[in-house]
C-alpha atoms as a PDB file:
ATOM      1  CA  MET A   1     -98.210 -26.241 -14.851  1.00  0.00           C
ATOM      2  CA  LYS A   2     -96.611 -25.736 -11.662  1.00  0.00           C
ATOM      3  CA  SER A   3     -99.766 -25.948 -10.003  1.00  0.00           C
ATOM      4  CA  LEU A   4    -100.800 -29.352 -11.425  1.00  0.00           C
ATOM      5  CA  ASN A   5     -99.392 -32.881  -9.914  1.00  0.00           C
ATOM      6  CA  ASN A   6     -97.275 -34.961 -12.145  1.00  0.00           C
ATOM      7  CA  ARG A   7     -99.923 -37.163 -12.933  1.00  0.00           C
ATOM      8  CA  ALA A   8    -101.614 -34.273 -14.500  1.00  0.00           C
ATOM      9  CA  LYS A   9     -98.660 -32.607 -16.108  1.00  0.00           C
ATOM     10  CA  GLY A  10     -97.849 -36.574 -17.914  1.00  0.00           C
ATOM     11  CA  ILE A  11    -101.440 -36.814 -19.157  1.00  0.00           C
ATOM     12  CA  LEU A  12    -101.445 -33.003 -20.512  1.00  0.00           C
ATOM     13  CA  SER A  13     -97.744 -33.558 -22.088  1.00  0.00           C
ATOM     14  CA  ILE A  14     -99.015 -36.761 -23.875  1.00  0.00           C
ATOM     15  CA  ILE A  15    -102.325 -35.387 -25.053  1.00  0.00           C
ATOM     16  CA  ILE A  16     -99.849 -32.259 -26.643  1.00  0.00           C
ATOM     17  CA  SER A  17     -97.182 -35.247 -27.953  1.00  0.00           C
ATOM     18  CA  ALA A  18    -100.386 -37.094 -29.848  1.00  0.00           C
ATOM     19  CA  PHE A  19    -101.262 -33.788 -31.203  1.00  0.00           C
ATOM     20  CA  GLY A  20     -97.567 -33.273 -32.599  1.00  0.00           C
ATOM     21  CA  PHE A  21     -97.596 -36.771 -34.138  1.00  0.00           C
ATOM     22  CA  SER A  22    -100.595 -36.344 -35.752  1.00  0.00           C
ATOM     23  CA  LEU A  23     -99.634 -33.479 -37.145  1.00  0.00           C
ATOM     24  CA  MET A  24     -96.367 -35.162 -38.344  1.00  0.00           C
ATOM     25  CA  ALA A  25     -98.377 -38.000 -39.959  1.00  0.00           C
ATOM     26  CA  LEU A  26    -100.794 -35.147 -41.568  1.00  0.00           C
ATOM     27  CA  PHE A  27     -97.445 -33.670 -43.334  1.00  0.00           C
ATOM     28  CA  VAL A  28     -96.008 -37.195 -44.547  1.00  0.00           C
ATOM     29  CA  ARG A  29     -99.288 -38.214 -45.947  1.00  0.00           C
ATOM     30  CA  LEU A  30     -99.575 -34.784 -48.155  1.00  0.00           C
ATOM     31  CA  CYS A  31     -95.624 -35.227 -48.707  1.00  0.00           C
ATOM     32  CA  ASP A  32     -96.834 -37.774 -51.922  1.00  0.00           C
ATOM     33  CA  ASP A  33     -99.366 -35.091 -53.207  1.00  0.00           C
ATOM     34  CA  TYR A  34     -97.213 -32.326 -54.127  1.00  0.00           C
ATOM     35  CA  GLY A  35     -94.672 -34.268 -56.145  1.00  0.00           C
ATOM     36  CA  GLY A  36     -93.161 -37.612 -57.013  1.00  0.00           C
ATOM     37  CA  PRO A  37     -92.740 -40.493 -54.016  1.00  0.00           C
ATOM     38  CA  VAL A  38     -90.632 -40.043 -51.964  1.00  0.00           C
ATOM     39  CA  SER A  39     -88.919 -42.920 -49.819  1.00  0.00           C
ATOM     40  CA  ALA A  40     -89.395 -43.479 -45.970  1.00  0.00           C
ATOM     41  CA  PHE A  41     -85.685 -43.149 -45.389  1.00  0.00           C
ATOM     42  CA  GLN A  42     -86.092 -39.990 -46.495  1.00  0.00           C
ATOM     43  CA  LYS A  43     -88.807 -38.731 -44.844  1.00  0.00           C
ATOM     44  CA  GLY A  44     -87.547 -39.716 -42.000  1.00  0.00           C
ATOM     45  CA  PHE A  45     -84.179 -37.833 -42.214  1.00  0.00           C
ATOM     46  CA  PHE A  46     -85.891 -34.336 -42.728  1.00  0.00           C
ATOM     47  CA  ARG A  47     -88.323 -35.492 -39.840  1.00  0.00           C
ATOM     48  CA  ASN A  48     -85.234 -35.804 -37.729  1.00  0.00           C
ATOM     49  CA  LEU A  49     -83.328 -33.149 -39.102  1.00  0.00           C
ATOM     50  CA  VAL A  50     -85.944 -30.738 -37.859  1.00  0.00           C
ATOM     51  CA  ALA A  51     -86.191 -32.531 -34.229  1.00  0.00           C
ATOM     52  CA  PHE A  52     -82.086 -32.574 -34.293  1.00  0.00           C
ATOM     53  CA  ALA A  53     -82.210 -28.912 -34.616  1.00  0.00           C
ATOM     54  CA  ILE A  54     -85.143 -27.691 -32.353  1.00  0.00           C
ATOM     55  CA  ALA A  55     -83.517 -29.831 -29.827  1.00  0.00           C
ATOM     56  CA  LEU A  56     -80.011 -28.839 -30.019  1.00  0.00           C
ATOM     57  CA  VAL A  57     -81.070 -25.061 -29.664  1.00  0.00           C
ATOM     58  CA  VAL A  58     -83.073 -26.368 -26.210  1.00  0.00           C
ATOM     59  CA  PHE A  59     -80.429 -28.250 -24.965  1.00  0.00           C
ATOM     60  CA  LEU A  60     -77.884 -25.381 -25.399  1.00  0.00           C
ATOM     61  CA  ARG A  61     -79.944 -23.173 -23.583  1.00  0.00           C
ATOM     62  CA  THR A  62     -81.062 -25.215 -20.687  1.00  0.00           C
ATOM     63  CA  PRO A  63     -79.061 -25.519 -17.959  1.00  0.00           C
ATOM     64  CA  ARG A  64     -77.257 -28.951 -17.437  1.00  0.00           C
ATOM     65  CA  PRO A  65     -74.285 -31.131 -15.163  1.00  0.00           C
ATOM     66  CA  LEU A  66     -70.964 -30.466 -16.179  1.00  0.00           C
ATOM     67  CA  SER A  67     -70.735 -34.056 -17.326  1.00  0.00           C
ATOM     68  CA  LEU A  68     -72.137 -34.703 -20.382  1.00  0.00           C
ATOM     69  CA  VAL A  69     -71.109 -38.335 -20.777  1.00  0.00           C
ATOM     70  CA  PRO A  70     -73.907 -40.766 -20.094  1.00  0.00           C
ATOM     71  CA  ARG A  71     -72.898 -43.763 -17.616  1.00  0.00           C
ATOM     72  CA  PRO A  72     -72.869 -46.763 -19.187  1.00  0.00           C
ATOM     73  CA  SER A  73     -75.619 -47.773 -17.947  1.00  0.00           C
ATOM     74  CA  SER A  74     -77.692 -44.826 -19.779  1.00  0.00           C
ATOM     75  CA  LEU A  75     -75.676 -45.253 -22.971  1.00  0.00           C
ATOM     76  CA  PHE A  76     -77.413 -48.503 -23.215  1.00  0.00           C
ATOM     77  CA  LEU A  77     -80.977 -47.298 -22.653  1.00  0.00           C
ATOM     78  CA  LEU A  78     -79.762 -44.365 -25.059  1.00  0.00           C
ATOM     79  CA  LEU A  79     -78.570 -46.481 -27.741  1.00  0.00           C
ATOM     80  CA  ALA A  80     -81.866 -48.772 -27.235  1.00  0.00           C
ATOM     81  CA  ARG A  81     -84.820 -46.109 -27.254  1.00  0.00           C
ATOM     82  CA  ALA A  82     -82.484 -44.533 -30.561  1.00  0.00           C
ATOM     83  CA  THR A  83     -82.669 -48.047 -32.653  1.00  0.00           C
ATOM     84  CA  LEU A  84     -85.957 -48.605 -31.551  1.00  0.00           C
ATOM     85  CA  GLY A  85     -86.942 -45.183 -32.237  1.00  0.00           C
ATOM     86  CA  THR A  86     -85.591 -45.543 -35.899  1.00  0.00           C
ATOM     87  CA  ALA A  87     -87.149 -48.241 -36.540  1.00  0.00           C
ATOM     88  CA  GLY A  88     -90.451 -47.520 -35.311  1.00  0.00           C
ATOM     89  CA  ILE A  89     -90.076 -44.821 -37.651  1.00  0.00           C
ATOM     90  CA  PHE A  90     -89.099 -46.268 -40.800  1.00  0.00           C
ATOM     91  CA  ALA A  91     -91.777 -48.941 -40.494  1.00  0.00           C
ATOM     92  CA  HIS A  92     -94.512 -46.207 -39.947  1.00  0.00           C
ATOM     93  CA  PHE A  93     -93.328 -44.045 -42.493  1.00  0.00           C
ATOM     94  CA  TYR A  94     -93.625 -47.090 -45.076  1.00  0.00           C
ATOM     95  CA  ALA A  95     -97.041 -48.235 -43.950  1.00  0.00           C
ATOM     96  CA  LEU A  96     -98.247 -44.879 -44.526  1.00  0.00           C
ATOM     97  CA  GLY A  97     -96.897 -45.068 -47.848  1.00  0.00           C
ATOM     98  CA  LYS A  98     -98.766 -48.241 -48.357  1.00  0.00           C
ATOM     99  CA  ILE A  99    -102.015 -48.402 -46.516  1.00  0.00           C
ATOM    100  CA  THR A 100    -104.476 -46.070 -45.256  1.00  0.00           C
ATOM    101  CA  ILE A 101    -103.444 -42.945 -42.804  1.00  0.00           C
ATOM    102  CA  ALA A 102    -106.101 -44.748 -40.584  1.00  0.00           C
ATOM    103  CA  GLU A 103    -104.967 -47.933 -40.888  1.00  0.00           C
ATOM    104  CA  GLY A 104    -101.028 -46.398 -40.438  1.00  0.00           C
ATOM    105  CA  LEU A 105    -101.916 -44.220 -37.493  1.00  0.00           C
ATOM    106  CA  THR A 106    -104.179 -47.406 -36.040  1.00  0.00           C
ATOM    107  CA  LEU A 107    -101.478 -49.737 -35.939  1.00  0.00           C
ATOM    108  CA  ASN A 108     -98.673 -47.425 -34.864  1.00  0.00           C
ATOM    109  CA  LYS A 109    -101.104 -46.383 -31.753  1.00  0.00           C
ATOM    110  CA  THR A 110    -100.665 -50.102 -30.450  1.00  0.00           C
ATOM    111  CA  ALA A 111     -97.333 -48.339 -28.814  1.00  0.00           C
ATOM    112  CA  PRO A 112     -99.165 -47.187 -25.827  1.00  0.00           C
ATOM    113  CA  PHE A 113    -100.234 -51.037 -24.991  1.00  0.00           C
ATOM    114  CA  PHE A 114     -97.123 -52.123 -25.848  1.00  0.00           C
ATOM    115  CA  THR A 115     -94.934 -49.339 -23.589  1.00  0.00           C
ATOM    116  CA  VAL A 116     -97.143 -50.373 -20.506  1.00  0.00           C
ATOM    117  CA  LEU A 117     -96.435 -54.249 -21.538  1.00  0.00           C
ATOM    118  CA  PHE A 118     -92.671 -53.628 -21.469  1.00  0.00           C
ATOM    119  CA  ALA A 119     -92.422 -51.196 -18.441  1.00  0.00           C
ATOM    120  CA  TRP A 120     -94.157 -54.069 -16.745  1.00  0.00           C
ATOM    121  CA  LEU A 121     -91.590 -56.784 -17.687  1.00  0.00           C
ATOM    122  CA  PHE A 122     -88.679 -54.526 -17.834  1.00  0.00           C
ATOM    123  CA  LEU A 123     -89.174 -51.770 -15.173  1.00  0.00           C
ATOM    124  CA  GLY A 124     -91.286 -53.684 -12.738  1.00  0.00           C
ATOM    125  CA  GLU A 125     -94.179 -50.866 -13.377  1.00  0.00           C
ATOM    126  CA  ARG A 126     -97.274 -53.104 -12.766  1.00  0.00           C
ATOM    127  CA  ALA A 127    -100.748 -52.281 -14.253  1.00  0.00           C
ATOM    128  CA  SER A 128    -103.847 -52.641 -12.592  1.00  0.00           C
ATOM    129  CA  ARG A 129    -107.038 -54.559 -14.120  1.00  0.00           C
ATOM    130  CA  ARG A 130    -108.882 -51.102 -14.781  1.00  0.00           C
ATOM    131  CA  GLN A 131    -105.345 -49.592 -16.453  1.00  0.00           C
ATOM    132  CA  TRP A 132    -105.334 -52.613 -18.895  1.00  0.00           C
ATOM    133  CA  LEU A 133    -108.793 -52.369 -19.790  1.00  0.00           C
ATOM    134  CA  ALA A 134    -108.776 -49.202 -20.180  1.00  0.00           C
ATOM    135  CA  LEU A 135    -106.165 -49.953 -23.062  1.00  0.00           C
ATOM    136  CA  ALA A 136    -107.959 -52.660 -24.260  1.00  0.00           C
ATOM    137  CA  ALA A 137    -111.227 -50.966 -25.007  1.00  0.00           C
ATOM    138  CA  ALA A 138    -108.835 -47.587 -26.238  1.00  0.00           C
ATOM    139  CA  PHE A 139    -107.522 -50.031 -28.498  1.00  0.00           C
ATOM    140  CA  CYS A 140    -110.727 -51.917 -29.319  1.00  0.00           C
ATOM    141  CA  GLY A 141    -111.988 -48.051 -30.431  1.00  0.00           C
ATOM    142  CA  VAL A 142    -108.927 -47.626 -32.674  1.00  0.00           C
ATOM    143  CA  THR A 143    -109.466 -50.762 -34.255  1.00  0.00           C
ATOM    144  CA  LEU A 144    -113.321 -49.779 -35.672  1.00  0.00           C
ATOM    145  CA  ILE A 145    -112.339 -46.400 -36.161  1.00  0.00           C
ATOM    146  CA  ALA A 146    -109.427 -48.433 -38.918  1.00  0.00           C
ATOM    147  CA  LYS A 147    -111.307 -51.149 -39.727  1.00  0.00           C
ATOM    148  CA  PRO A 148    -107.735 -52.924 -40.906  1.00  0.00           C
ATOM    149  CA  GLY A 149    -107.751 -56.126 -42.714  1.00  0.00           C
ATOM    150  CA  PHE A 150    -104.542 -58.476 -42.828  1.00  0.00           C
ATOM    151  CA  ALA A 151    -105.597 -60.130 -46.181  1.00  0.00           C
ATOM    152  CA  GLY A 152    -104.536 -60.071 -49.390  1.00  0.00           C
ATOM    153  CA  ALA A 153    -101.856 -57.628 -50.966  1.00  0.00           C
ATOM    154  CA  SER A 154    -101.851 -55.232 -47.738  1.00  0.00           C
ATOM    155  CA  ALA A 155    -100.774 -58.104 -45.550  1.00  0.00           C
ATOM    156  CA  PHE A 156     -97.060 -56.770 -45.568  1.00  0.00           C
ATOM    157  CA  PRO A 157     -97.279 -53.210 -44.867  1.00  0.00           C
ATOM    158  CA  LEU A 158     -99.871 -53.747 -42.314  1.00  0.00           C
ATOM    159  CA  SER A 159     -98.230 -56.217 -40.606  1.00  0.00           C
ATOM    160  CA  ILE A 160     -94.725 -53.297 -40.703  1.00  0.00           C
ATOM    161  CA  GLY A 161     -97.389 -51.034 -39.710  1.00  0.00           C
ATOM    162  CA  LEU A 162     -98.059 -53.040 -36.558  1.00  0.00           C
ATOM    163  CA  LEU A 163     -94.011 -53.793 -36.069  1.00  0.00           C
ATOM    164  CA  SER A 164     -93.854 -49.809 -35.770  1.00  0.00           C
ATOM    165  CA  GLY A 165     -96.051 -50.002 -32.746  1.00  0.00           C
ATOM    166  CA  VAL A 166     -94.480 -52.547 -31.058  1.00  0.00           C
ATOM    167  CA  CYS A 167     -90.583 -50.436 -31.611  1.00  0.00           C
ATOM    168  CA  ALA A 168     -92.163 -47.317 -30.846  1.00  0.00           C
ATOM    169  CA  GLY A 169     -93.685 -48.848 -27.381  1.00  0.00           C
ATOM    170  CA  GLY A 170     -89.822 -50.629 -26.304  1.00  0.00           C
ATOM    171  CA  ALA A 171     -88.809 -46.786 -27.351  1.00  0.00           C
ATOM    172  CA  TYR A 172     -91.225 -45.334 -25.229  1.00  0.00           C
ATOM    173  CA  ALA A 173     -90.312 -47.620 -22.115  1.00  0.00           C
ATOM    174  CA  CYS A 174     -86.964 -46.775 -22.825  1.00  0.00           C
ATOM    175  CA  VAL A 175     -87.620 -42.906 -22.304  1.00  0.00           C
ATOM    176  CA  ARG A 176     -89.243 -43.903 -19.183  1.00  0.00           C
ATOM    177  CA  ALA A 177     -86.348 -45.983 -18.106  1.00  0.00           C
ATOM    178  CA  LEU A 178     -83.943 -42.719 -19.284  1.00  0.00           C
ATOM    179  CA  ARG A 179     -85.869 -39.802 -17.013  1.00  0.00           C
ATOM    180  CA  ARG A 180     -85.137 -42.119 -14.115  1.00  0.00           C
ATOM    181  CA  HIS A 181     -81.313 -41.703 -14.765  1.00  0.00           C
ATOM    182  CA  GLU A 182     -81.979 -38.209 -14.915  1.00  0.00           C
ATOM    183  CA  LEU A 183     -80.992 -37.483 -18.266  1.00  0.00           C
ATOM    184  CA  SER A 184     -82.477 -33.904 -19.853  1.00  0.00           C
ATOM    185  CA  PRO A 185     -85.425 -34.535 -22.293  1.00  0.00           C
ATOM    186  CA  SER A 186     -83.239 -32.385 -24.498  1.00  0.00           C
ATOM    187  CA  PHE A 187     -80.499 -34.445 -24.212  1.00  0.00           C
ATOM    188  CA  ILE A 188     -82.487 -37.466 -25.027  1.00  0.00           C
ATOM    189  CA  ILE A 189     -84.091 -36.266 -28.400  1.00  0.00           C
ATOM    190  CA  LEU A 190     -80.828 -34.810 -29.705  1.00  0.00           C
ATOM    191  CA  PHE A 191     -79.371 -38.037 -29.170  1.00  0.00           C
ATOM    192  CA  PHE A 192     -81.947 -40.011 -30.975  1.00  0.00           C
ATOM    193  CA  SER A 193     -82.441 -37.327 -33.553  1.00  0.00           C
ATOM    194  CA  ALA A 194     -78.771 -37.578 -34.219  1.00  0.00           C
ATOM    195  CA  PHE A 195     -78.801 -41.092 -34.823  1.00  0.00           C
ATOM    196  CA  SER A 196     -81.934 -41.375 -36.545  1.00  0.00           C
ATOM    197  CA  CYS A 197     -80.418 -38.819 -39.197  1.00  0.00           C
ATOM    198  CA  LEU A 198     -77.006 -40.710 -39.448  1.00  0.00           C
ATOM    199  CA  ALA A 199     -78.806 -44.027 -39.871  1.00  0.00           C
ATOM    200  CA  SER A 200     -81.056 -42.920 -42.132  1.00  0.00           C
ATOM    201  CA  ILE A 201     -78.297 -41.099 -44.976  1.00  0.00           C
ATOM    202  CA  PRO A 202     -76.577 -44.725 -46.095  1.00  0.00           C
ATOM    203  CA  PHE A 203     -80.232 -45.654 -47.444  1.00  0.00           C
ATOM    204  CA  MET A 204     -81.217 -42.260 -49.004  1.00  0.00           C
ATOM    205  CA  LEU A 205     -78.126 -42.084 -50.725  1.00  0.00           C
ATOM    206  CA  THR A 206     -78.536 -45.231 -52.553  1.00  0.00           C
ATOM    207  CA  GLY A 207     -81.787 -44.008 -54.199  1.00  0.00           C
ATOM    208  CA  PHE A 208     -82.492 -39.831 -53.675  1.00  0.00           C
ATOM    209  CA  ASP A 209     -85.826 -39.188 -54.959  1.00  0.00           C
ATOM    210  CA  PRO A 210     -86.026 -35.497 -56.105  1.00  0.00           C
ATOM    211  CA  MET A 211     -88.298 -33.216 -54.076  1.00  0.00           C
ATOM    212  CA  THR A 212     -90.329 -30.085 -55.062  1.00  0.00           C
ATOM    213  CA  GLY A 213     -90.278 -26.913 -52.856  1.00  0.00           C
ATOM    214  CA  ARG A 214     -93.401 -27.782 -51.295  1.00  0.00           C
ATOM    215  CA  GLN A 215     -92.314 -31.411 -50.452  1.00  0.00           C
ATOM    216  CA  ILE A 216     -89.615 -29.939 -48.353  1.00  0.00           C
ATOM    217  CA  LEU A 217     -91.560 -27.699 -46.602  1.00  0.00           C
ATOM    218  CA  ILE A 218     -94.055 -30.071 -45.702  1.00  0.00           C
ATOM    219  CA  LEU A 219     -91.262 -32.488 -44.723  1.00  0.00           C
ATOM    220  CA  PHE A 220     -90.025 -29.814 -42.594  1.00  0.00           C
ATOM    221  CA  GLY A 221     -93.630 -29.450 -41.192  1.00  0.00           C
ATOM    222  CA  ALA A 222     -93.318 -32.965 -40.266  1.00  0.00           C
ATOM    223  CA  GLY A 223     -90.290 -32.372 -38.428  1.00  0.00           C
ATOM    224  CA  ALA A 224     -91.768 -29.612 -36.587  1.00  0.00           C
ATOM    225  CA  GLY A 225     -95.169 -31.738 -35.530  1.00  0.00           C
ATOM    226  CA  ALA A 226     -92.332 -34.717 -34.365  1.00  0.00           C
ATOM    227  CA  ALA A 227     -90.287 -32.409 -32.640  1.00  0.00           C
ATOM    228  CA  ILE A 228     -93.619 -31.501 -30.586  1.00  0.00           C
ATOM    229  CA  GLY A 229     -94.368 -35.081 -30.229  1.00  0.00           C
ATOM    230  CA  GLN A 230     -91.135 -36.157 -28.845  1.00  0.00           C
ATOM    231  CA  PHE A 231     -90.697 -33.803 -26.072  1.00  0.00           C
ATOM    232  CA  GLY A 232     -94.263 -34.419 -25.065  1.00  0.00           C
ATOM    233  CA  ILE A 233     -93.549 -37.989 -24.917  1.00  0.00           C
ATOM    234  CA  THR A 234     -90.387 -37.679 -23.010  1.00  0.00           C
ATOM    235  CA  LEU A 235     -91.664 -35.103 -20.780  1.00  0.00           C
ATOM    236  CA  ALA A 236     -94.623 -37.369 -19.865  1.00  0.00           C
ATOM    237  CA  TYR A 237     -93.094 -40.422 -19.396  1.00  0.00           C
ATOM    238  CA  GLY A 238     -91.016 -38.392 -16.662  1.00  0.00           C
ATOM    239  CA  TYR A 239     -93.611 -37.245 -14.933  1.00  0.00           C
ATOM    240  CA  ALA A 240     -95.662 -40.284 -14.420  1.00  0.00           C
ATOM    241  CA  ALA A 241     -95.966 -44.238 -15.452  1.00  0.00           C
ATOM    242  CA  PRO A 242     -97.005 -45.498 -18.522  1.00  0.00           C
ATOM    243  CA  ARG A 243     -99.529 -47.518 -16.898  1.00  0.00           C
ATOM    244  CA  GLU A 244    -101.178 -44.141 -15.710  1.00  0.00           C
ATOM    245  CA  ILE A 245    -101.075 -41.927 -18.577  1.00  0.00           C
ATOM    246  CA  ALA A 246    -100.499 -44.259 -22.001  1.00  0.00           C
ATOM    247  CA  VAL A 247    -104.123 -44.909 -22.777  1.00  0.00           C
ATOM    248  CA  PHE A 248    -104.285 -40.772 -23.306  1.00  0.00           C
ATOM    249  CA  ASP A 249    -101.701 -41.361 -26.351  1.00  0.00           C
ATOM    250  CA  TYR A 250    -104.778 -42.461 -28.517  1.00  0.00           C
ATOM    251  CA  SER A 251    -105.922 -39.044 -28.398  1.00  0.00           C
ATOM    252  CA  GLY A 252    -103.733 -38.789 -31.363  1.00  0.00           C
ATOM    253  CA  ILE A 253    -106.610 -40.117 -33.501  1.00  0.00           C
ATOM    254  CA  LEU A 254    -109.260 -37.819 -32.660  1.00  0.00           C
ATOM    255  CA  PHE A 255    -106.917 -35.224 -33.704  1.00  0.00           C
ATOM    256  CA  ALA A 256    -106.103 -37.507 -36.807  1.00  0.00           C
ATOM    257  CA  ALA A 257    -109.793 -37.636 -37.599  1.00  0.00           C
ATOM    258  CA  ALA A 258    -110.391 -33.902 -37.292  1.00  0.00           C
ATOM    259  CA  PHE A 259    -107.245 -33.477 -39.674  1.00  0.00           C
ATOM    260  CA  GLY A 260    -108.533 -35.969 -42.223  1.00  0.00           C
ATOM    261  CA  PHE A 261    -112.204 -34.108 -42.176  1.00  0.00           C
ATOM    262  CA  LEU A 262    -110.373 -30.614 -42.050  1.00  0.00           C
ATOM    263  CA  PHE A 263    -107.686 -31.232 -45.205  1.00  0.00           C
ATOM    264  CA  PHE A 264    -109.340 -34.213 -46.794  1.00  0.00           C
ATOM    265  CA  ALA A 265    -113.115 -34.128 -46.541  1.00  0.00           C
ATOM    266  CA  GLN A 266    -113.623 -37.164 -44.691  1.00  0.00           C
ATOM    267  CA  ILE A 267    -116.436 -37.759 -42.516  1.00  0.00           C
ATOM    268  CA  PRO A 268    -116.610 -40.473 -39.976  1.00  0.00           C
ATOM    269  CA  ASP A 269    -118.980 -43.295 -40.514  1.00  0.00           C
ATOM    270  CA  VAL A 270    -121.111 -45.036 -37.646  1.00  0.00           C
ATOM    271  CA  LEU A 271    -117.954 -47.591 -36.387  1.00  0.00           C
ATOM    272  CA  SER A 272    -115.452 -44.455 -36.464  1.00  0.00           C
ATOM    273  CA  THR A 273    -118.032 -42.652 -34.250  1.00  0.00           C
ATOM    274  CA  VAL A 274    -118.275 -45.516 -31.970  1.00  0.00           C
ATOM    275  CA  GLY A 275    -114.964 -46.136 -31.864  1.00  0.00           C
ATOM    276  CA  PHE A 276    -114.318 -42.091 -30.750  1.00  0.00           C
ATOM    277  CA  LEU A 277    -116.662 -43.071 -27.911  1.00  0.00           C
ATOM    278  CA  ALA A 278    -114.725 -46.017 -26.986  1.00  0.00           C
ATOM    279  CA  ILE A 279    -111.520 -44.009 -26.896  1.00  0.00           C
ATOM    280  CA  LEU A 280    -112.735 -41.412 -24.769  1.00  0.00           C
ATOM    281  CA  SER A 281    -114.542 -43.844 -22.736  1.00  0.00           C
ATOM    282  CA  ALA A 282    -111.424 -44.814 -21.920  1.00  0.00           C
ATOM    283  CA  ALA A 283    -109.823 -41.810 -21.224  1.00  0.00           C
ATOM    284  CA  CYS A 284    -112.604 -41.207 -18.478  1.00  0.00           C
ATOM    285  CA  ILE A 285    -111.975 -44.947 -16.573  1.00  0.00           C
ATOM    286  CA  LEU A 286    -108.772 -43.856 -15.987  1.00  0.00           C
ATOM    287  CA  LEU A 287    -109.479 -39.956 -14.939  1.00  0.00           C
ATOM    288  CA  ARG A 288    -112.092 -41.120 -12.374  1.00  0.00           C
END
């Protein structure tokens, strides 16, 4: 990647991140098919436990400054990133258990829009009209794929799914700010994963759901996918501003569609195909 400029590195990193998070969503979706229902808190714990272990190994093997104590401003951002990210995970996993995987991913993928919005409001990184247009086109494409409806019994889980996107967008804006503070990606992920694991324990202990061996392995797979996603997104927003690369996070929908075809024999309909073309068109707008 040394021959690439920072924007190209950011695009590549965020596409890798999207693949990782799509892999995570696939495993989370598969989990309940191989045993009894597992709570969102329990899924979140195992997801973050694996990410913590991977981040710890990378952190210990990476040269770092003598001081490991972050400045007060960095600590505030770390806590904000961890809190928003943890809330986003719980909301996303809850929604995936109540609505379709397409709807859950679509609502979670409002995150790029909110990342750009929060980066503009709190970090002063203004997006151009072309960048907003690309984000809008990509989101319209995602909506065509999922065709969500905020009505009836699904209204609450759909709203929680949207909340997961808002929280994720805020968390990624914090990641962008933290990279300005020159904190290593592994330390940011390590702090977040430890915080999320600890936050999961009280909820998990109040109603632990027994799991089969397959479910445990599947959740370890979800954790590995989450680690890929976390490292990818943390590196991406270190290389480039959200306004330049956030739209490429929508590539996760394309990965999710491929997984749906391979594992669930789901064939996209006409509206979904139009949605995929809209996402690709949005990416082309920013690549030009």
